């Protein structure tokens, strides 16, 4: 990824975000000014926030508290 090219020879999926972060870091007086760009780049690489949200939705569906509904009862045979 350091070259900016992905597996197929095209630009990597996170390369444009990296370029934004890199430009911010080169122009910023304080690196803390680029925190949002850094967070976006790390999310693009690792998808931590996305996976955390998916896991939370999945857990709420398992518990049955999505849409304020109780967990469905199993039918008796």
PDB file of N, CA and C in Angstrom:
ATOM      1  N   UNK A   1       0.819  -1.188   0.000  1.00  0.00           N
ATOM      2  CA  UNK A   1       0.000   0.000   0.000  1.00  0.00           C
ATOM      3  C   UNK A   1       0.861   1.249   0.000  1.00  0.00           C
ATOM      4  N   UNK A   2       2.103   1.155   0.399  1.00  0.00           N
ATOM      5  CA  UNK A   2       2.929   2.350   0.468  1.00  0.00           C
ATOM      6  C   UNK A   2       3.142   2.973  -0.911  1.00  0.00           C
ATOM      7  N   UNK A   3       3.011   2.182  -1.955  1.00  0.00           N
ATOM      8  CA  UNK A   3       3.157   2.728  -3.302  1.00  0.00           C
ATOM      9  C   UNK A   3       1.875   3.408  -3.773  1.00  0.00           C
ATOM     10  N   UNK A   4       0.763   3.113  -3.117  1.00  0.00           N
ATOM     11  CA  UNK A   4      -0.519   3.677  -3.509  1.00  0.00           C
ATOM     12  C   UNK A   4      -1.284   2.787  -4.464  1.00  0.00           C
ATOM     13  N   UNK A   5      -0.702   1.655  -4.837  1.00  0.00           N
ATOM     14  CA  UNK A   5      -1.368   0.747  -5.766  1.00  0.00           C
ATOM     15  C   UNK A   5      -1.832  -0.499  -5.050  1.00  0.00           C
ATOM     16  N   UNK A   6      -3.022  -0.964  -5.429  1.00  0.00           N
ATOM     17  CA  UNK A   6      -3.588  -2.166  -4.845  1.00  0.00           C
ATOM     18  C   UNK A   6      -3.111  -3.404  -5.582  1.00  0.00           C
ATOM     19  N   UNK A   7      -3.779  -4.514  -5.321  1.00  0.00           N
ATOM     20  CA  UNK A   7      -3.395  -5.794  -5.889  1.00  0.00           C
ATOM     21  C   UNK A   7      -3.518  -5.803  -7.409  1.00  0.00           C
ATOM     22  N   UNK A   8      -4.574  -5.222  -7.929  1.00  0.00           N
ATOM     23  CA  UNK A   8      -4.818  -5.242  -9.373  1.00  0.00           C
ATOM     24  C   UNK A   8      -4.100  -4.156 -10.149  1.00  0.00           C
ATOM     25  N   UNK A   9      -3.222  -3.400  -9.497  1.00  0.00           N
ATOM     26  CA  UNK A   9      -2.509  -2.340 -10.182  1.00  0.00           C
ATOM     27  C   UNK A   9      -3.237  -1.007 -10.176  1.00  0.00           C
ATOM     28  N   UNK A  10      -4.462  -1.003  -9.666  1.00  0.00           N
ATOM     29  CA  UNK A  10      -5.223   0.235  -9.562  1.00  0.00           C
ATOM     30  C   UNK A  10      -4.907   0.883  -8.210  1.00  0.00           C
ATOM     31  N   UNK A  11      -5.264   2.158  -8.053  1.00  0.00           N
ATOM     32  CA  UNK A  11      -5.031   2.779  -6.740  1.00  0.00           C
ATOM     33  C   UNK A  11      -5.758   2.011  -5.639  1.00  0.00           C
ATOM     34  N   UNK A  12      -5.128   1.884  -4.495  1.00  0.00           N
ATOM     35  CA  UNK A  12      -5.715   1.186  -3.359  1.00  0.00           C
ATOM     36  C   UNK A  12      -6.955   1.906  -2.855  1.00  0.00           C
ATOM     37  N   UNK A  13      -7.813   1.192  -2.161  1.00  0.00           N
ATOM     38  CA  UNK A  13      -9.094   1.767  -1.731  1.00  0.00           C
ATOM     39  C   UNK A  13      -8.894   2.898  -0.735  1.00  0.00           C
ATOM     40  N   UNK A  14      -7.826   2.892   0.016  1.00  0.00           N
ATOM     41  CA  UNK A  14      -7.599   3.914   1.034  1.00  0.00           C
ATOM     42  C   UNK A  14      -6.589   4.975   0.603  1.00  0.00           C
ATOM     43  N   UNK A  15      -6.043   4.841  -0.574  1.00  0.00           N
ATOM     44  CA  UNK A  15      -5.009   5.774  -1.005  1.00  0.00           C
ATOM     45  C   UNK A  15      -5.493   7.219  -1.071  1.00  0.00           C
ATOM     46  N   UNK A  16      -6.684   7.511  -1.616  1.00  0.00           N
ATOM     47  CA  UNK A  16      -7.134   8.914  -1.626  1.00  0.00           C
ATOM     48  C   UNK A  16      -7.279   9.505  -0.214  1.00  0.00           C
ATOM     49  N   UNK A  17      -7.700   8.678   0.727  1.00  0.00           N
ATOM     50  CA  UNK A  17      -7.847   9.143   2.109  1.00  0.00           C
ATOM     51  C   UNK A  17      -6.471   9.375   2.722  1.00  0.00           C
ATOM     52  N   UNK A  18      -5.525   8.508   2.377  1.00  0.00           N
ATOM     53  CA  UNK A  18      -4.149   8.690   2.841  1.00  0.00           C
ATOM     54  C   UNK A  18      -3.568   9.991   2.301  1.00  0.00           C
ATOM     55  N   UNK A  19      -3.841  10.306   1.056  1.00  0.00           N
ATOM     56  CA  UNK A  19      -3.324  11.536   0.460  1.00  0.00           C
ATOM     57  C   UNK A  19      -3.903  12.761   1.176  1.00  0.00           C
ATOM     58  N   UNK A  20      -5.191  12.714   1.539  1.00  0.00           N
ATOM     59  CA  UNK A  20      -5.795  13.814   2.293  1.00  0.00           C
ATOM     60  C   UNK A  20      -5.119  13.969   3.657  1.00  0.00           C
ATOM     61  N   UNK A  21      -4.907  12.847   4.325  1.00  0.00           N
ATOM     62  CA  UNK A  21      -4.248  12.865   5.635  1.00  0.00           C
ATOM     63  C   UNK A  21      -2.822  13.379   5.510  1.00  0.00           C
ATOM     64  N   UNK A  22      -2.110  12.922   4.501  1.00  0.00           N
ATOM     65  CA  UNK A  22      -0.733  13.339   4.287  1.00  0.00           C
ATOM     66  C   UNK A  22      -0.648  14.841   3.995  1.00  0.00           C
ATOM     67  N   UNK A  23      -1.563  15.344   3.167  1.00  0.00           N
ATOM     68  CA  UNK A  23      -1.588  16.771   2.858  1.00  0.00           C
ATOM     69  C   UNK A  23      -1.877  17.588   4.118  1.00  0.00           C
ATOM     70  N   UNK A  24      -2.790  17.118   4.926  1.00  0.00           N
ATOM     71  CA  UNK A  24      -3.111  17.808   6.173  1.00  0.00           C
ATOM     72  C   UNK A  24      -1.886  17.860   7.090  1.00  0.00           C
ATOM     73  N   UNK A  25      -1.203  16.731   7.226  1.00  0.00           N
ATOM     74  CA  UNK A  25      -0.039  16.679   8.102  1.00  0.00           C
ATOM     75  C   UNK A  25       1.084  17.602   7.616  1.00  0.00           C
ATOM     76  N   UNK A  26       1.226  17.732   6.311  1.00  0.00           N
ATOM     77  CA  UNK A  26       2.308  18.582   5.807  1.00  0.00           C
ATOM     78  C   UNK A  26       1.985  20.065   5.962  1.00  0.00           C
ATOM     79  N   UNK A  27       0.699  20.414   6.062  1.00  0.00           N
ATOM     80  CA  UNK A  27       0.300  21.818   6.169  1.00  0.00           C
ATOM     81  C   UNK A  27      -0.048  22.240   7.593  1.00  0.00           C
ATOM     82  N   UNK A  28      -0.299  21.308   8.469  1.00  0.00           N
ATOM     83  CA  UNK A  28      -0.788  21.635   9.813  1.00  0.00           C
ATOM     84  C   UNK A  28       0.339  22.097  10.724  1.00  0.00           C
ATOM     85  N   UNK A  29       0.005  23.049  11.588  1.00  0.00           N
ATOM     86  CA  UNK A  29       0.953  23.484  12.608  1.00  0.00           C
ATOM     87  C   UNK A  29       0.983  22.489  13.758  1.00  0.00           C
ATOM     88  N   UNK A  30      -0.170  21.909  14.035  1.00  0.00           N
ATOM     89  CA  UNK A  30      -0.306  20.947  15.127  1.00  0.00           C
ATOM     90  C   UNK A  30      -0.898  19.659  14.560  1.00  0.00           C
ATOM     91  N   UNK A  31      -0.255  18.514  14.767  1.00  0.00           N
ATOM     92  CA  UNK A  31      -0.801  17.256  14.233  1.00  0.00           C
ATOM     93  C   UNK A  31      -2.208  16.937  14.721  1.00  0.00           C
ATOM     94  N   UNK A  32      -2.622  17.500  15.842  1.00  0.00           N
ATOM     95  CA  UNK A  32      -3.969  17.250  16.350  1.00  0.00           C
ATOM     96  C   UNK A  32      -5.039  17.801  15.415  1.00  0.00           C
ATOM     97  N   UNK A  33      -4.664  18.749  14.551  1.00  0.00           N
ATOM     98  CA  UNK A  33      -5.613  19.309  13.591  1.00  0.00           C
ATOM     99  C   UNK A  33      -6.037  18.269  12.550  1.00  0.00           C
ATOM    100  N   UNK A  34      -5.266  17.221  12.392  1.00  0.00           N
ATOM    101  CA  UNK A  34      -5.529  16.202  11.367  1.00  0.00           C
ATOM    102  C   UNK A  34      -6.159  14.945  11.936  1.00  0.00           C
ATOM    103  N   UNK A  35      -6.676  15.028  13.165  1.00  0.00           N
ATOM    104  CA  UNK A  35      -7.242  13.851  13.822  1.00  0.00           C
ATOM    105  C   UNK A  35      -8.369  13.226  13.007  1.00  0.00           C
ATOM    106  N   UNK A  36      -9.254  14.039  12.431  1.00  0.00           N
ATOM    107  CA  UNK A  36     -10.374  13.495  11.649  1.00  0.00           C
ATOM    108  C   UNK A  36      -9.882  12.742  10.419  1.00  0.00           C
ATOM    109  N   UNK A  37      -8.863  13.274   9.745  1.00  0.00           N
ATOM    110  CA  UNK A  37      -8.300  12.593   8.577  1.00  0.00           C
ATOM    111  C   UNK A  37      -7.647  11.271   8.989  1.00  0.00           C
ATOM    112  N   UNK A  38      -6.962  11.293  10.141  1.00  0.00           N
ATOM    113  CA  UNK A  38      -6.321  10.070  10.643  1.00  0.00           C
ATOM    114  C   UNK A  38      -7.376   9.015  10.971  1.00  0.00           C
ATOM    115  N   UNK A  39      -8.442   9.439  11.652  1.00  0.00           N
ATOM    116  CA  UNK A  39      -9.512   8.504  11.999  1.00  0.00           C
ATOM    117  C   UNK A  39     -10.154   7.906  10.752  1.00  0.00           C
ATOM    118  N   UNK A  40     -10.380   8.744   9.735  1.00  0.00           N
ATOM    119  CA  UNK A  40     -10.961   8.251   8.486  1.00  0.00           C
ATOM    120  C   UNK A  40     -10.043   7.229   7.819  1.00  0.00           C
ATOM    121  N   UNK A  41      -8.739   7.511   7.825  1.00  0.00           N
ATOM    122  CA  UNK A  41      -7.781   6.596   7.196  1.00  0.00           C
ATOM    123  C   UNK A  41      -7.735   5.262   7.942  1.00  0.00           C
ATOM    124  N   UNK A  42      -7.690   5.311   9.261  1.00  0.00           N
ATOM    125  CA  UNK A  42      -7.642   4.064  10.030  1.00  0.00           C
ATOM    126  C   UNK A  42      -8.938   3.270   9.880  1.00  0.00           C
ATOM    127  N   UNK A  43     -10.076   3.970   9.800  1.00  0.00           N
ATOM    128  CA  UNK A  43     -11.350   3.279   9.576  1.00  0.00           C
ATOM    129  C   UNK A  43     -11.347   2.605   8.208  1.00  0.00           C
ATOM    130  N   UNK A  44     -10.797   3.276   7.207  1.00  0.00           N
ATOM    131  CA  UNK A  44     -10.730   2.686   5.871  1.00  0.00           C
ATOM    132  C   UNK A  44      -9.881   1.416   5.882  1.00  0.00           C
ATOM    133  N   UNK A  45      -8.795   1.445   6.625  1.00  0.00           N
ATOM    134  CA  UNK A  45      -7.907   0.279   6.676  1.00  0.00           C
ATOM    135  C   UNK A  45      -8.514  -0.880   7.460  1.00  0.00           C
ATOM    136  N   UNK A  46      -9.077  -0.584   8.630  1.00  0.00           N
ATOM    137  CA  UNK A  46      -9.439  -1.649   9.564  1.00  0.00           C
ATOM    138  C   UNK A  46     -10.937  -1.858   9.776  1.00  0.00           C
ATOM    139  N   UNK A  47     -11.767  -0.911   9.407  1.00  0.00           N
ATOM    140  CA  UNK A  47     -13.233  -1.009   9.520  1.00  0.00           C
ATOM    141  C   UNK A  47     -13.698  -1.288  10.948  1.00  0.00           C
ATOM    142  N   UNK A  48     -13.012  -0.767  11.931  1.00  0.00           N
ATOM    143  CA  UNK A  48     -13.371  -1.060  13.330  1.00  0.00           C
ATOM    144  C   UNK A  48     -14.735  -0.505  13.708  1.00  0.00           C
ATOM    145  N   UNK A  49     -15.021   0.742  13.309  1.00  0.00           N
ATOM    146  CA  UNK A  49     -16.307   1.337  13.654  1.00  0.00           C
ATOM    147  C   UNK A  49     -17.440   0.606  12.936  1.00  0.00           C
ATOM    148  N   UNK A  50     -17.195   0.246  11.687  1.00  0.00           N
ATOM    149  CA  UNK A  50     -18.219  -0.475  10.915  1.00  0.00           C
ATOM    150  C   UNK A  50     -18.522  -1.821  11.558  1.00  0.00           C
ATOM    151  N   UNK A  51     -17.484  -2.564  11.904  1.00  0.00           N
ATOM    152  CA  UNK A  51     -17.690  -3.874  12.514  1.00  0.00           C
ATOM    153  C   UNK A  51     -18.335  -3.751  13.887  1.00  0.00           C
ATOM    154  N   UNK A  52     -17.957  -2.747  14.649  1.00  0.00           N
ATOM    155  CA  UNK A  52     -18.568  -2.546  15.965  1.00  0.00           C
ATOM    156  C   UNK A  52     -20.057  -2.274  15.811  1.00  0.00           C
ATOM    157  N   UNK A  53     -20.432  -1.462  14.838  1.00  0.00           N
ATOM    158  CA  UNK A  53     -21.844  -1.167  14.611  1.00  0.00           C
ATOM    159  C   UNK A  53     -22.593  -2.424  14.159  1.00  0.00           C
ATOM    160  N   UNK A  54     -22.005  -3.190  13.248  1.00  0.00           N
ATOM    161  CA  UNK A  54     -22.648  -4.422  12.794  1.00  0.00           C
ATOM    162  C   UNK A  54     -22.838  -5.403  13.942  1.00  0.00           C
ATOM    163  N   UNK A  55     -21.834  -5.508  14.805  1.00  0.00           N
ATOM    164  CA  UNK A  55     -21.942  -6.403  15.956  1.00  0.00           C
ATOM    165  C   UNK A  55     -23.027  -5.938  16.915  1.00  0.00           C
ATOM    166  N   UNK A  56     -23.140  -4.631  17.123  1.00  0.00           N
ATOM    167  CA  UNK A  56     -24.176  -4.105  18.011  1.00  0.00           C
ATOM    168  C   UNK A  56     -25.562  -4.384  17.442  1.00  0.00           C
ATOM    169  N   UNK A  57     -25.730  -4.212  16.144  1.00  0.00           N
ATOM    170  CA  UNK A  57     -27.017  -4.497  15.510  1.00  0.00           C
ATOM    171  C   UNK A  57     -27.338  -5.984  15.622  1.00  0.00           C
ATOM    172  N   UNK A  58     -26.351  -6.824  15.365  1.00  0.00           N
ATOM    173  CA  UNK A  58     -26.555  -8.272  15.459  1.00  0.00           C
ATOM    174  C   UNK A  58     -26.945  -8.685  16.873  1.00  0.00           C
ATOM    175  N   UNK A  59     -26.246  -8.133  17.878  1.00  0.00           N
ATOM    176  CA  UNK A  59     -26.559  -8.477  19.266  1.00  0.00           C
ATOM    177  C   UNK A  59     -27.975  -8.025  19.633  1.00  0.00           C
ATOM    178  N   UNK A  60     -28.368  -6.850  19.149  1.00  0.00           N
ATOM    179  CA  UNK A  60     -29.713  -6.381  19.480  1.00  0.00           C
ATOM    180  C   UNK A  60     -30.777  -7.238  18.794  1.00  0.00           C
ATOM    181  N   UNK A  61     -30.492  -7.734  17.606  1.00  0.00           N
ATOM    182  CA  UNK A  61     -31.439  -8.625  16.933  1.00  0.00           C
ATOM    183  C   UNK A  61     -31.550  -9.951  17.667  1.00  0.00           C
ATOM    184  N   UNK A  62     -30.450 -10.459  18.154  1.00  0.00           N
ATOM    185  CA  UNK A  62     -30.458 -11.716  18.902  1.00  0.00           C
ATOM    186  C   UNK A  62     -31.260 -11.547  20.188  1.00  0.00           C
ATOM    187  N   UNK A  63     -31.067 -10.423  20.870  1.00  0.00           N
ATOM    188  CA  UNK A  63     -31.810 -10.170  22.109  1.00  0.00           C
ATOM    189  C   UNK A  63     -33.270  -9.872  21.819  1.00  0.00           C
ATOM    190  N   UNK A  64     -33.566  -9.450  20.619  1.00  0.00           N
ATOM    191  CA  UNK A  64     -34.940  -9.160  20.254  1.00  0.00           C
ATOM    192  C   UNK A  64     -35.376  -7.759  20.622  1.00  0.00           C
ATOM    193  N   UNK A  65     -34.437  -6.885  20.905  1.00  0.00           N
ATOM    194  CA  UNK A  65     -34.841  -5.540  21.287  1.00  0.00           C
ATOM    195  C   UNK A  65     -34.779  -4.552  20.126  1.00  0.00           C
ATOM    196  N   UNK A  66     -34.627  -5.053  18.916  1.00  0.00           N
ATOM    197  CA  UNK A  66     -34.709  -4.148  17.769  1.00  0.00           C
ATOM    198  C   UNK A  66     -36.177  -3.844  17.487  1.00  0.00           C
ATOM    199  N   UNK A  67     -36.465  -2.652  17.149  1.00  0.00           N
ATOM    200  CA  UNK A  67     -37.820  -2.175  16.858  1.00  0.00           C
ATOM    201  C   UNK A  67     -38.750  -2.335  18.062  1.00  0.00           C
ATOM    202  N   UNK A  68     -38.180  -2.501  19.239  1.00  0.00           N
ATOM    203  CA  UNK A  68     -38.990  -2.594  20.443  1.00  0.00           C
ATOM    204  C   UNK A  68     -39.802  -3.869  20.542  1.00  0.00           C
ATOM    205  N   UNK A  69     -39.452  -4.897  19.820  1.00  0.00           N
ATOM    206  CA  UNK A  69     -40.210  -6.144  19.829  1.00  0.00           C
ATOM    207  C   UNK A  69     -39.497  -7.163  20.710  1.00  0.00           C
ATOM    208  N   UNK A  70     -40.302  -8.046  21.266  1.00  0.00           N
ATOM    209  CA  UNK A  70     -39.736  -9.148  22.018  1.00  0.00           C
ATOM    210  C   UNK A  70     -39.228 -10.203  21.058  1.00  0.00           C
ATOM    211  N   UNK A  71     -38.379 -11.056  21.579  1.00  0.00           N
ATOM    212  CA  UNK A  71     -37.858 -12.143  20.778  1.00  0.00           C
ATOM    213  C   UNK A  71     -39.004 -13.067  20.404  1.00  0.00           C
ATOM    214  N   UNK A  72     -39.085 -13.490  19.140  1.00  0.00           N
ATOM    215  CA  UNK A  72     -40.197 -14.340  18.724  1.00  0.00           C
ATOM    216  C   UNK A  72     -40.196 -15.672  19.481  1.00  0.00           C
ATOM    217  N   UNK A  73     -41.390 -16.129  19.825  1.00  0.00           N
ATOM    218  CA  UNK A  73     -41.544 -17.394  20.506  1.00  0.00           C
ATOM    219  C   UNK A  73     -41.400 -18.538  19.521  1.00  0.00           C
ATOM    220  N   UNK A  74     -40.768 -19.603  19.955  1.00  0.00           N
ATOM    221  CA  UNK A  74     -40.667 -20.788  19.095  1.00  0.00           C
ATOM    222  C   UNK A  74     -42.004 -21.497  19.096  1.00  0.00           C
ATOM    223  N   UNK A  75     -42.368 -21.998  17.936  1.00  0.00           N
ATOM    224  CA  UNK A  75     -43.643 -22.713  17.819  1.00  0.00           C
ATOM    225  C   UNK A  75     -43.507 -24.100  18.416  1.00  0.00           C
ATOM    226  N   UNK A  76     -44.548 -24.517  19.120  1.00  0.00           N
ATOM    227  CA  UNK A  76     -44.543 -25.862  19.685  1.00  0.00           C
ATOM    228  C   UNK A  76     -45.153 -26.823  18.679  1.00  0.00           C
ATOM    229  N   UNK A  77     -44.614 -28.000  18.622  1.00  0.00           N
ATOM    230  CA  UNK A  77     -45.113 -28.998  17.679  1.00  0.00           C
ATOM    231  C   UNK A  77     -45.943 -30.039  18.356  1.00  0.00           C
TER     232      UNK A  77
END
